[in-house]
Amino acid sequence: MTDKQAIRERVWDALDEQGVARFPFPPHGRIPNFAGAETAADRLADTDAWRDADVVKANPDAPQLPVRRRALRDGKTVYMAVPRLRDEQCFLELDPDAIDPENYDSAPALSNVDDYADQVGPDEVPEIDLVVSGSVAVTEDGARIGKGEGYSDLEYAILHELGLVAPVGCDRTASGETASTADDTTVVTTVHELQVVDAVTPDEHDVPMDLVVTPERTLDTETPYERPAGVDWGELSEERIAEIPVLERLRSDERL
C-alpha cells in the first residue's frame, strides 16, 4: 500500500467510524461527502477569492455540491468536466442566466446537470478565476490527495495548456486582503477537519491548494509547492491519451 493510499484509508475509516460521512455511502473509494459541507461552502463564500470570481471550475462530487449551488446563486458561471474527459466537448457549462433560479439547487447535481448544462469544447471556456477541487485528504500547507485516479490534476493541467489558468499560486490571504489580478486563479478545496492531515509528499503532477476550507476554519496555505506547468506527457500512456480527445488534440498541436 502506498503512503497516499494508507492516508486515504485512514481518512475514509475516520469519517465512517466517527459518523460524519454523508451520502453516498460508503465514503471509501470516492471523494467523501461530510457533515458540514454546506457550512464549508458558506465559509468559502466569505472570502474575497470567491467574491472576485466570475468563472468557477468545480469538481462534480457530492461534498462540493453546496459550493456549486452557491456559485449559481451568486451569479457565477460554473464549469464541470465531462466524466473522464471522454468527449471532444469535454466541459459542462452551467450559466446562471440561462437557468431558472428555482432550479439552482438541482441543476449542479451530477444526476441533473445534463438537463441544465451546455456541453462545450475547450475553445468555448473562458479564463478560470477559481478552481474548486474535491479531496480525500489535504495538509495545512496545501498538499492534496484525491481518490487516486488523477483526473482532477489532469483537468488542471489541460486548462493550463489551454491558457485558462495561471501557472503559479496566488498570493491571497484567507480574508482576501491582497488584491487580485485578472490572471490569478485560486485553487481551493472544502473538507471536513478529519480530512486535514499532518504530512503528504506531493508528486510533481499534484496541484496544491491555495485555500483549505472546513466547517470550522479557512486556511490560507501559503503553499510552498509549485503548480504543474501543463501536461506531463511522459506520465501518460498511449492508451490514456487515446481515450481523451482533448489530449490527442493538445499533443497534435505541440507537434506542429
C-alpha atoms as a PDB file:
ATOM      1  CA  MET A   1       0.000   0.000   0.000  1.00  0.00           C
ATOM      2  CA  THR A   2       1.405   3.417  -0.955  1.00  0.00           C
ATOM      3  CA  ASP A   3       1.738   6.145   1.642  1.00  0.00           C
ATOM      4  CA  LYS A   4      -1.021   8.090  -0.088  1.00  0.00           C
ATOM      5  CA  GLN A   5      -3.306   5.071  -0.122  1.00  0.00           C
ATOM      6  CA  ALA A   6      -2.662   4.478   3.572  1.00  0.00           C
ATOM      7  CA  ILE A   7      -3.711   8.079   4.277  1.00  0.00           C
ATOM      8  CA  ARG A   8      -6.832   7.642   2.147  1.00  0.00           C
ATOM      9  CA  GLU A   9      -7.838   4.520   4.039  1.00  0.00           C
ATOM     10  CA  ARG A  10      -7.225   6.202   7.385  1.00  0.00           C
ATOM     11  CA  VAL A  11      -9.347   9.233   6.463  1.00  0.00           C
ATOM     12  CA  TRP A  12     -12.175   7.159   4.983  1.00  0.00           C
ATOM     13  CA  ASP A  13     -12.237   4.976   8.086  1.00  0.00           C
ATOM     14  CA  ALA A  14     -12.274   8.000  10.419  1.00  0.00           C
ATOM     15  CA  LEU A  15     -15.157   9.681   8.591  1.00  0.00           C
ATOM     16  CA  ASP A  16     -17.112   6.442   8.694  1.00  0.00           C
ATOM     17  CA  GLU A  17     -16.347   5.473  12.278  1.00  0.00           C
ATOM     18  CA  GLN A  18     -16.985   8.947  13.704  1.00  0.00           C
ATOM     19  CA  GLY A  19     -20.331   9.247  11.941  1.00  0.00           C
ATOM     20  CA  VAL A  20     -19.562  12.338   9.879  1.00  0.00           C
ATOM     21  CA  ALA A  21     -19.660  10.691   6.442  1.00  0.00           C
ATOM     22  CA  ARG A  22     -22.752  11.524   4.443  1.00  0.00           C
ATOM     23  CA  PHE A  23     -24.437  10.002   1.362  1.00  0.00           C
ATOM     24  CA  PRO A  24     -23.231   8.427  -0.854  1.00  0.00           C
ATOM     25  CA  PHE A  25     -22.021   5.541   1.270  1.00  0.00           C
ATOM     26  CA  PRO A  26     -19.552   4.144   1.939  1.00  0.00           C
ATOM     27  CA  PRO A  27     -17.090   7.060   1.880  1.00  0.00           C
ATOM     28  CA  HIS A  28     -14.338   4.688   0.763  1.00  0.00           C
ATOM     29  CA  GLY A  29     -13.123   4.844  -2.820  1.00  0.00           C
ATOM     30  CA  ARG A  30     -14.537   8.302  -3.519  1.00  0.00           C
ATOM     31  CA  ILE A  31     -14.240  11.979  -2.680  1.00  0.00           C
ATOM     32  CA  PRO A  32     -16.132  11.618   0.594  1.00  0.00           C
ATOM     33  CA  ASN A  33     -19.173  13.667   1.476  1.00  0.00           C
ATOM     34  CA  PHE A  34     -19.203  15.001   5.018  1.00  0.00           C
ATOM     35  CA  ALA A  35     -21.363  16.639   7.676  1.00  0.00           C
ATOM     36  CA  GLY A  36     -20.937  20.397   7.438  1.00  0.00           C
ATOM     37  CA  ALA A  37     -20.326  20.597   3.682  1.00  0.00           C
ATOM     38  CA  GLU A  38     -22.900  23.407   3.446  1.00  0.00           C
ATOM     39  CA  THR A  39     -21.184  25.342   6.241  1.00  0.00           C
ATOM     40  CA  ALA A  40     -17.830  24.971   4.493  1.00  0.00           C
ATOM     41  CA  ALA A  41     -19.393  26.301   1.274  1.00  0.00           C
ATOM     42  CA  ASP A  42     -20.744  29.320   3.153  1.00  0.00           C
ATOM     43  CA  ARG A  43     -17.336  29.929   4.702  1.00  0.00           C
ATOM     44  CA  LEU A  44     -15.708  29.777   1.262  1.00  0.00           C
ATOM     45  CA  ALA A  45     -18.236  32.329   0.023  1.00  0.00           C
ATOM     46  CA  ASP A  46     -16.978  34.754   2.683  1.00  0.00           C
ATOM     47  CA  THR A  47     -13.529  35.006   1.060  1.00  0.00           C
ATOM     48  CA  ASP A  48     -12.509  37.638  -1.452  1.00  0.00           C
ATOM     49  CA  ALA A  49     -11.178  34.827  -3.625  1.00  0.00           C
ATOM     50  CA  TRP A  50     -14.807  33.761  -4.017  1.00  0.00           C
ATOM     51  CA  ARG A  51     -16.263  37.232  -4.340  1.00  0.00           C
ATOM     52  CA  ASP A  52     -13.726  38.164  -7.023  1.00  0.00           C
ATOM     53  CA  ALA A  53     -14.521  35.092  -9.139  1.00  0.00           C
ATOM     54  CA  ASP A  54     -16.911  35.205 -12.076  1.00  0.00           C
ATOM     55  CA  VAL A  55     -15.981  31.821 -13.564  1.00  0.00           C
ATOM     56  CA  VAL A  56     -15.612  28.712 -11.410  1.00  0.00           C
ATOM     57  CA  LYS A  57     -14.356  25.303 -12.462  1.00  0.00           C
ATOM     58  CA  ALA A  58     -15.658  22.750  -9.956  1.00  0.00           C
ATOM     59  CA  ASN A  59     -15.424  19.037  -9.388  1.00  0.00           C
ATOM     60  CA  PRO A  60     -18.686  17.065  -9.670  1.00  0.00           C
ATOM     61  CA  ASP A  61     -18.576  15.275  -6.311  1.00  0.00           C
ATOM     62  CA  ALA A  62     -21.251  15.374  -3.606  1.00  0.00           C
ATOM     63  CA  PRO A  63     -19.320  17.335  -0.928  1.00  0.00           C
ATOM     64  CA  GLN A  64     -18.850  20.260  -3.334  1.00  0.00           C
ATOM     65  CA  LEU A  65     -22.496  20.332  -4.448  1.00  0.00           C
ATOM     66  CA  PRO A  66     -23.218  23.136  -1.924  1.00  0.00           C
ATOM     67  CA  VAL A  67     -20.338  25.113  -3.484  1.00  0.00           C
ATOM     68  CA  ARG A  68     -21.745  24.672  -6.985  1.00  0.00           C
ATOM     69  CA  ARG A  69     -25.209  25.687  -5.791  1.00  0.00           C
ATOM     70  CA  ARG A  70     -23.822  28.771  -4.066  1.00  0.00           C
ATOM     71  CA  ALA A  71     -21.904  29.699  -7.220  1.00  0.00           C
ATOM     72  CA  LEU A  72     -25.094  29.746  -9.294  1.00  0.00           C
ATOM     73  CA  ARG A  73     -26.958  31.718  -6.629  1.00  0.00           C
ATOM     74  CA  ASP A  74     -24.097  34.235  -6.606  1.00  0.00           C
ATOM     75  CA  GLY A  75     -24.234  34.655 -10.384  1.00  0.00           C
ATOM     76  CA  LYS A  76     -21.074  32.718 -11.251  1.00  0.00           C
ATOM     77  CA  THR A  77     -20.728  30.553 -14.349  1.00  0.00           C
ATOM     78  CA  VAL A  78     -19.751  27.008 -13.380  1.00  0.00           C
ATOM     79  CA  TYR A  79     -17.782  24.551 -15.486  1.00  0.00           C
ATOM     80  CA  MET A  80     -17.595  20.843 -14.721  1.00  0.00           C
ATOM     81  CA  ALA A  81     -15.572  18.328 -16.684  1.00  0.00           C
ATOM     82  CA  VAL A  82     -17.363  15.580 -18.565  1.00  0.00           C
ATOM     83  CA  PRO A  83     -16.656  12.336 -16.673  1.00  0.00           C
ATOM     84  CA  ARG A  84     -13.193  11.056 -17.588  1.00  0.00           C
ATOM     85  CA  LEU A  85     -12.939  13.835 -20.224  1.00  0.00           C
ATOM     86  CA  ARG A  86     -14.283  11.283 -22.680  1.00  0.00           C
ATOM     87  CA  ASP A  87     -15.810  13.697 -25.225  1.00  0.00           C
ATOM     88  CA  GLU A  88     -14.314  16.299 -27.551  1.00  0.00           C
ATOM     89  CA  GLN A  89     -16.702  18.765 -25.919  1.00  0.00           C
ATOM     90  CA  CYS A  90     -15.273  17.916 -22.543  1.00  0.00           C
ATOM     91  CA  PHE A  91     -16.829  20.568 -20.292  1.00  0.00           C
ATOM     92  CA  LEU A  92     -20.334  21.201 -18.978  1.00  0.00           C
ATOM     93  CA  GLU A  93     -21.279  24.873 -18.689  1.00  0.00           C
ATOM     94  CA  LEU A  94     -23.837  25.993 -16.131  1.00  0.00           C
ATOM     95  CA  ASP A  95     -24.808  29.590 -16.879  1.00  0.00           C
ATOM     96  CA  PRO A  96     -26.932  31.102 -14.081  1.00  0.00           C
ATOM     97  CA  ASP A  97     -28.566  33.474 -16.573  1.00  0.00           C
ATOM     98  CA  ALA A  98     -29.817  30.501 -18.602  1.00  0.00           C
ATOM     99  CA  ILE A  99     -31.240  28.598 -15.615  1.00  0.00           C
ATOM    100  CA  ASP A 100     -34.435  29.402 -13.733  1.00  0.00           C
ATOM    101  CA  PRO A 101     -33.367  30.446 -10.205  1.00  0.00           C
ATOM    102  CA  GLU A 102     -35.854  27.907  -8.860  1.00  0.00           C
ATOM    103  CA  ASN A 103     -33.558  25.235 -10.325  1.00  0.00           C
ATOM    104  CA  TYR A 104     -30.253  26.496  -8.951  1.00  0.00           C
ATOM    105  CA  ASP A 105     -30.229  23.799  -6.273  1.00  0.00           C
ATOM    106  CA  SER A 106     -30.999  20.908  -8.613  1.00  0.00           C
ATOM    107  CA  ALA A 107     -29.050  21.988 -11.719  1.00  0.00           C
ATOM    108  CA  PRO A 108     -25.479  21.367 -10.454  1.00  0.00           C
ATOM    109  CA  ALA A 109     -26.227  17.921  -9.031  1.00  0.00           C
ATOM    110  CA  LEU A 110     -24.426  15.268 -11.054  1.00  0.00           C
ATOM    111  CA  SER A 111     -27.687  13.399 -11.625  1.00  0.00           C
ATOM    112  CA  ASN A 112     -29.337  16.504 -13.118  1.00  0.00           C
ATOM    113  CA  VAL A 113     -26.549  18.501 -14.720  1.00  0.00           C
ATOM    114  CA  ASP A 114     -27.122  17.150 -18.238  1.00  0.00           C
ATOM    115  CA  ASP A 115     -30.625  18.681 -18.186  1.00  0.00           C
ATOM    116  CA  TYR A 116     -29.349  22.184 -17.447  1.00  0.00           C
ATOM    117  CA  ALA A 117     -25.807  22.439 -18.805  1.00  0.00           C
ATOM    118  CA  ASP A 118     -24.481  23.111 -22.266  1.00  0.00           C
ATOM    119  CA  GLN A 119     -21.711  20.746 -23.291  1.00  0.00           C
ATOM    120  CA  VAL A 120     -18.879  22.827 -24.727  1.00  0.00           C
ATOM    121  CA  GLY A 121     -15.422  22.343 -26.148  1.00  0.00           C
ATOM    122  CA  PRO A 122     -12.288  23.782 -24.554  1.00  0.00           C
ATOM    123  CA  ASP A 123     -12.224  26.691 -27.017  1.00  0.00           C
ATOM    124  CA  GLU A 124     -15.531  27.906 -25.542  1.00  0.00           C
ATOM    125  CA  VAL A 125     -14.274  28.006 -21.953  1.00  0.00           C
ATOM    126  CA  PRO A 126     -13.136  31.438 -20.689  1.00  0.00           C
ATOM    127  CA  GLU A 127     -10.307  32.080 -18.246  1.00  0.00           C
ATOM    128  CA  ILE A 128     -10.979  30.417 -14.908  1.00  0.00           C
ATOM    129  CA  ASP A 129     -10.960  32.583 -11.785  1.00  0.00           C
ATOM    130  CA  LEU A 130     -11.442  29.865  -9.171  1.00  0.00           C
ATOM    131  CA  VAL A 131     -10.824  26.115  -9.231  1.00  0.00           C
ATOM    132  CA  VAL A 132     -12.711  24.062  -6.643  1.00  0.00           C
ATOM    133  CA  SER A 133     -11.237  20.614  -6.032  1.00  0.00           C
ATOM    134  CA  GLY A 134     -12.566  17.685  -4.063  1.00  0.00           C
ATOM    135  CA  SER A 135     -10.122  15.977  -1.728  1.00  0.00           C
ATOM    136  CA  VAL A 136      -9.766  12.826   0.294  1.00  0.00           C
ATOM    137  CA  ALA A 137      -7.055  14.454   2.406  1.00  0.00           C
ATOM    138  CA  VAL A 138      -5.146  17.741   2.449  1.00  0.00           C
ATOM    139  CA  THR A 139      -2.445  19.326   4.576  1.00  0.00           C
ATOM    140  CA  GLU A 140      -2.375  22.792   6.076  1.00  0.00           C
ATOM    141  CA  ASP A 141       0.306  23.752   3.552  1.00  0.00           C
ATOM    142  CA  GLY A 142      -1.859  22.740   0.604  1.00  0.00           C
ATOM    143  CA  ALA A 143      -0.678  19.259  -0.407  1.00  0.00           C
ATOM    144  CA  ARG A 144      -3.737  17.358  -1.632  1.00  0.00           C
ATOM    145  CA  ILE A 145      -4.661  13.705  -2.033  1.00  0.00           C
ATOM    146  CA  GLY A 146      -7.531  12.785  -4.336  1.00  0.00           C
ATOM    147  CA  LYS A 147      -9.122   9.377  -4.730  1.00  0.00           C
ATOM    148  CA  GLY A 148      -6.235   8.154  -6.866  1.00  0.00           C
ATOM    149  CA  GLU A 149      -7.432   8.325 -10.473  1.00  0.00           C
ATOM    150  CA  GLY A 150      -5.616  11.574 -11.278  1.00  0.00           C
ATOM    151  CA  TYR A 151      -8.404  13.271 -13.244  1.00  0.00           C
ATOM    152  CA  SER A 152      -8.566  16.427 -11.117  1.00  0.00           C
ATOM    153  CA  ASP A 153      -4.868  17.148 -11.625  1.00  0.00           C
ATOM    154  CA  LEU A 154      -5.111  16.234 -15.297  1.00  0.00           C
ATOM    155  CA  GLU A 155      -8.044  18.616 -15.786  1.00  0.00           C
ATOM    156  CA  TYR A 156      -5.981  21.423 -14.264  1.00  0.00           C
ATOM    157  CA  ALA A 157      -3.009  20.540 -16.480  1.00  0.00           C
ATOM    158  CA  ILE A 158      -5.231  20.665 -19.559  1.00  0.00           C
ATOM    159  CA  LEU A 159      -6.633  24.049 -18.534  1.00  0.00           C
ATOM    160  CA  HIS A 160      -3.059  25.256 -18.114  1.00  0.00           C
ATOM    161  CA  GLU A 161      -2.128  24.025 -21.600  1.00  0.00           C
ATOM    162  CA  LEU A 162      -5.107  25.976 -22.931  1.00  0.00           C
ATOM    163  CA  GLY A 163      -4.012  29.151 -21.129  1.00  0.00           C
ATOM    164  CA  LEU A 164      -7.138  29.224 -18.962  1.00  0.00           C
ATOM    165  CA  VAL A 165      -5.500  29.102 -15.513  1.00  0.00           C
ATOM    166  CA  ALA A 166      -2.494  30.853 -14.034  1.00  0.00           C
ATOM    167  CA  PRO A 167       0.602  28.635 -13.731  1.00  0.00           C
ATOM    168  CA  VAL A 168       1.562  29.539 -10.162  1.00  0.00           C
ATOM    169  CA  GLY A 169      -0.197  30.028  -6.839  1.00  0.00           C
ATOM    170  CA  CYS A 170      -1.768  33.361  -5.974  1.00  0.00           C
ATOM    171  CA  ASP A 171      -0.690  35.478  -3.047  1.00  0.00           C
ATOM    172  CA  ARG A 172      -4.034  35.831  -1.339  1.00  0.00           C
ATOM    173  CA  THR A 173      -4.825  35.669   2.358  1.00  0.00           C
ATOM    174  CA  ALA A 174      -7.832  33.762   3.599  1.00  0.00           C
ATOM    175  CA  SER A 175      -9.560  37.106   4.212  1.00  0.00           C
ATOM    176  CA  GLY A 176      -8.694  38.173   0.666  1.00  0.00           C
ATOM    177  CA  GLU A 177      -6.706  41.245   1.738  1.00  0.00           C
ATOM    178  CA  THR A 178      -4.310  41.001  -1.193  1.00  0.00           C
ATOM    179  CA  ALA A 179      -5.674  42.499  -4.382  1.00  0.00           C
ATOM    180  CA  SER A 180      -6.239  40.050  -7.204  1.00  0.00           C
ATOM    181  CA  THR A 181      -5.315  40.439 -10.842  1.00  0.00           C
ATOM    182  CA  ALA A 182      -7.099  39.225 -13.945  1.00  0.00           C
ATOM    183  CA  ASP A 183      -4.562  36.420 -14.360  1.00  0.00           C
ATOM    184  CA  ASP A 184      -4.983  34.983 -10.851  1.00  0.00           C
ATOM    185  CA  THR A 185      -6.528  31.556 -10.459  1.00  0.00           C
ATOM    186  CA  THR A 186      -7.108  30.486  -6.875  1.00  0.00           C
ATOM    187  CA  VAL A 187      -7.360  26.752  -6.159  1.00  0.00           C
ATOM    188  CA  VAL A 188      -9.440  25.698  -3.156  1.00  0.00           C
ATOM    189  CA  THR A 189     -10.879  22.623  -1.505  1.00  0.00           C
ATOM    190  CA  THR A 190     -13.657  22.142   1.033  1.00  0.00           C
ATOM    191  CA  VAL A 191     -13.176  19.285   3.503  1.00  0.00           C
ATOM    192  CA  HIS A 192     -14.036  18.066   6.985  1.00  0.00           C
ATOM    193  CA  GLU A 193     -11.474  18.660   9.744  1.00  0.00           C
ATOM    194  CA  LEU A 194     -10.827  14.912   9.804  1.00  0.00           C
ATOM    195  CA  GLN A 195      -9.516  15.236   6.247  1.00  0.00           C
ATOM    196  CA  VAL A 196      -6.803  17.717   7.253  1.00  0.00           C
ATOM    197  CA  VAL A 197      -3.705  15.578   7.827  1.00  0.00           C
ATOM    198  CA  ASP A 198      -0.205  16.262   9.052  1.00  0.00           C
ATOM    199  CA  ALA A 199       2.019  15.414   6.122  1.00  0.00           C
ATOM    200  CA  VAL A 200       1.790  14.430   2.459  1.00  0.00           C
ATOM    201  CA  THR A 201       4.606  14.267  -0.057  1.00  0.00           C
ATOM    202  CA  PRO A 202       3.070  15.546  -3.310  1.00  0.00           C
ATOM    203  CA  ASP A 203       4.020  14.268  -6.740  1.00  0.00           C
ATOM    204  CA  GLU A 204       5.084  16.683  -9.467  1.00  0.00           C
ATOM    205  CA  HIS A 205       1.683  16.472 -11.182  1.00  0.00           C
ATOM    206  CA  ASP A 206      -0.242  17.246  -7.966  1.00  0.00           C
ATOM    207  CA  VAL A 207      -1.969  20.633  -7.854  1.00  0.00           C
ATOM    208  CA  PRO A 208      -1.541  22.334  -4.451  1.00  0.00           C
ATOM    209  CA  MET A 209      -4.376  24.171  -2.731  1.00  0.00           C
ATOM    210  CA  ASP A 210      -4.244  27.893  -2.012  1.00  0.00           C
ATOM    211  CA  LEU A 211      -7.161  27.747   0.415  1.00  0.00           C
ATOM    212  CA  VAL A 212      -8.439  24.857   2.536  1.00  0.00           C
ATOM    213  CA  VAL A 213     -11.913  25.456   3.934  1.00  0.00           C
ATOM    214  CA  THR A 214     -13.554  23.332   6.621  1.00  0.00           C
ATOM    215  CA  PRO A 215     -16.803  23.980   8.506  1.00  0.00           C
ATOM    216  CA  GLU A 216     -14.667  25.442  11.322  1.00  0.00           C
ATOM    217  CA  ARG A 217     -11.924  27.460   9.624  1.00  0.00           C
ATOM    218  CA  THR A 218     -10.410  28.885   6.463  1.00  0.00           C
ATOM    219  CA  LEU A 219      -6.731  28.144   5.936  1.00  0.00           C
ATOM    220  CA  ASP A 220      -4.522  30.274   3.738  1.00  0.00           C
ATOM    221  CA  THR A 221      -1.956  27.586   2.977  1.00  0.00           C
ATOM    222  CA  GLU A 222       0.802  29.840   1.666  1.00  0.00           C
ATOM    223  CA  THR A 223       1.692  26.651  -0.145  1.00  0.00           C
ATOM    224  CA  PRO A 224       5.367  26.072  -0.900  1.00  0.00           C
ATOM    225  CA  TYR A 225       4.501  23.673  -3.708  1.00  0.00           C
ATOM    226  CA  GLU A 226       4.520  24.744  -7.345  1.00  0.00           C
ATOM    227  CA  ARG A 227       1.635  24.016  -9.653  1.00  0.00           C
ATOM    228  CA  PRO A 228       2.370  21.723 -12.587  1.00  0.00           C
ATOM    229  CA  ALA A 229       3.189  23.664 -15.741  1.00  0.00           C
ATOM    230  CA  GLY A 230       0.891  21.795 -18.092  1.00  0.00           C
ATOM    231  CA  VAL A 231       0.545  18.162 -19.060  1.00  0.00           C
ATOM    232  CA  ASP A 232       3.411  15.801 -18.219  1.00  0.00           C
ATOM    233  CA  TRP A 233       3.259  13.706 -21.369  1.00  0.00           C
ATOM    234  CA  GLY A 234       5.821  11.253 -20.034  1.00  0.00           C
ATOM    235  CA  GLU A 235       3.367  10.139 -17.343  1.00  0.00           C
ATOM    236  CA  LEU A 236       0.552   9.346 -19.779  1.00  0.00           C
ATOM    237  CA  SER A 237       0.208   6.072 -21.616  1.00  0.00           C
ATOM    238  CA  GLU A 238      -0.757   5.991 -25.268  1.00  0.00           C
ATOM    239  CA  GLU A 239      -3.961   4.250 -24.213  1.00  0.00           C
ATOM    240  CA  ARG A 240      -4.962   7.051 -21.875  1.00  0.00           C
ATOM    241  CA  ILE A 241      -4.169   9.736 -24.432  1.00  0.00           C
ATOM    242  CA  ALA A 242      -6.298   7.896 -26.984  1.00  0.00           C
ATOM    243  CA  GLU A 243      -9.197   7.790 -24.518  1.00  0.00           C
ATOM    244  CA  ILE A 244      -9.217  11.579 -24.011  1.00  0.00           C
ATOM    245  CA  PRO A 245      -9.792  13.554 -27.233  1.00  0.00           C
ATOM    246  CA  VAL A 246      -8.540  16.862 -25.837  1.00  0.00           C
ATOM    247  CA  LEU A 247      -5.189  15.222 -25.046  1.00  0.00           C
ATOM    248  CA  GLU A 248      -4.924  13.920 -28.596  1.00  0.00           C
ATOM    249  CA  ARG A 249      -5.554  17.430 -29.855  1.00  0.00           C
ATOM    250  CA  LEU A 250      -3.099  19.108 -27.491  1.00  0.00           C
ATOM    251  CA  ARG A 251      -0.350  16.677 -28.372  1.00  0.00           C
ATOM    252  CA  SER A 252      -1.003  17.213 -32.082  1.00  0.00           C
ATOM    253  CA  ASP A 253      -0.779  20.982 -31.562  1.00  0.00           C
ATOM    254  CA  GLU A 254       2.551  20.593 -29.744  1.00  0.00           C
ATOM    255  CA  ARG A 255       3.964  18.621 -32.639  1.00  0.00           C
ATOM    256  CA  LEU A 256       3.095  21.263 -35.242  1.00  0.00           C
END
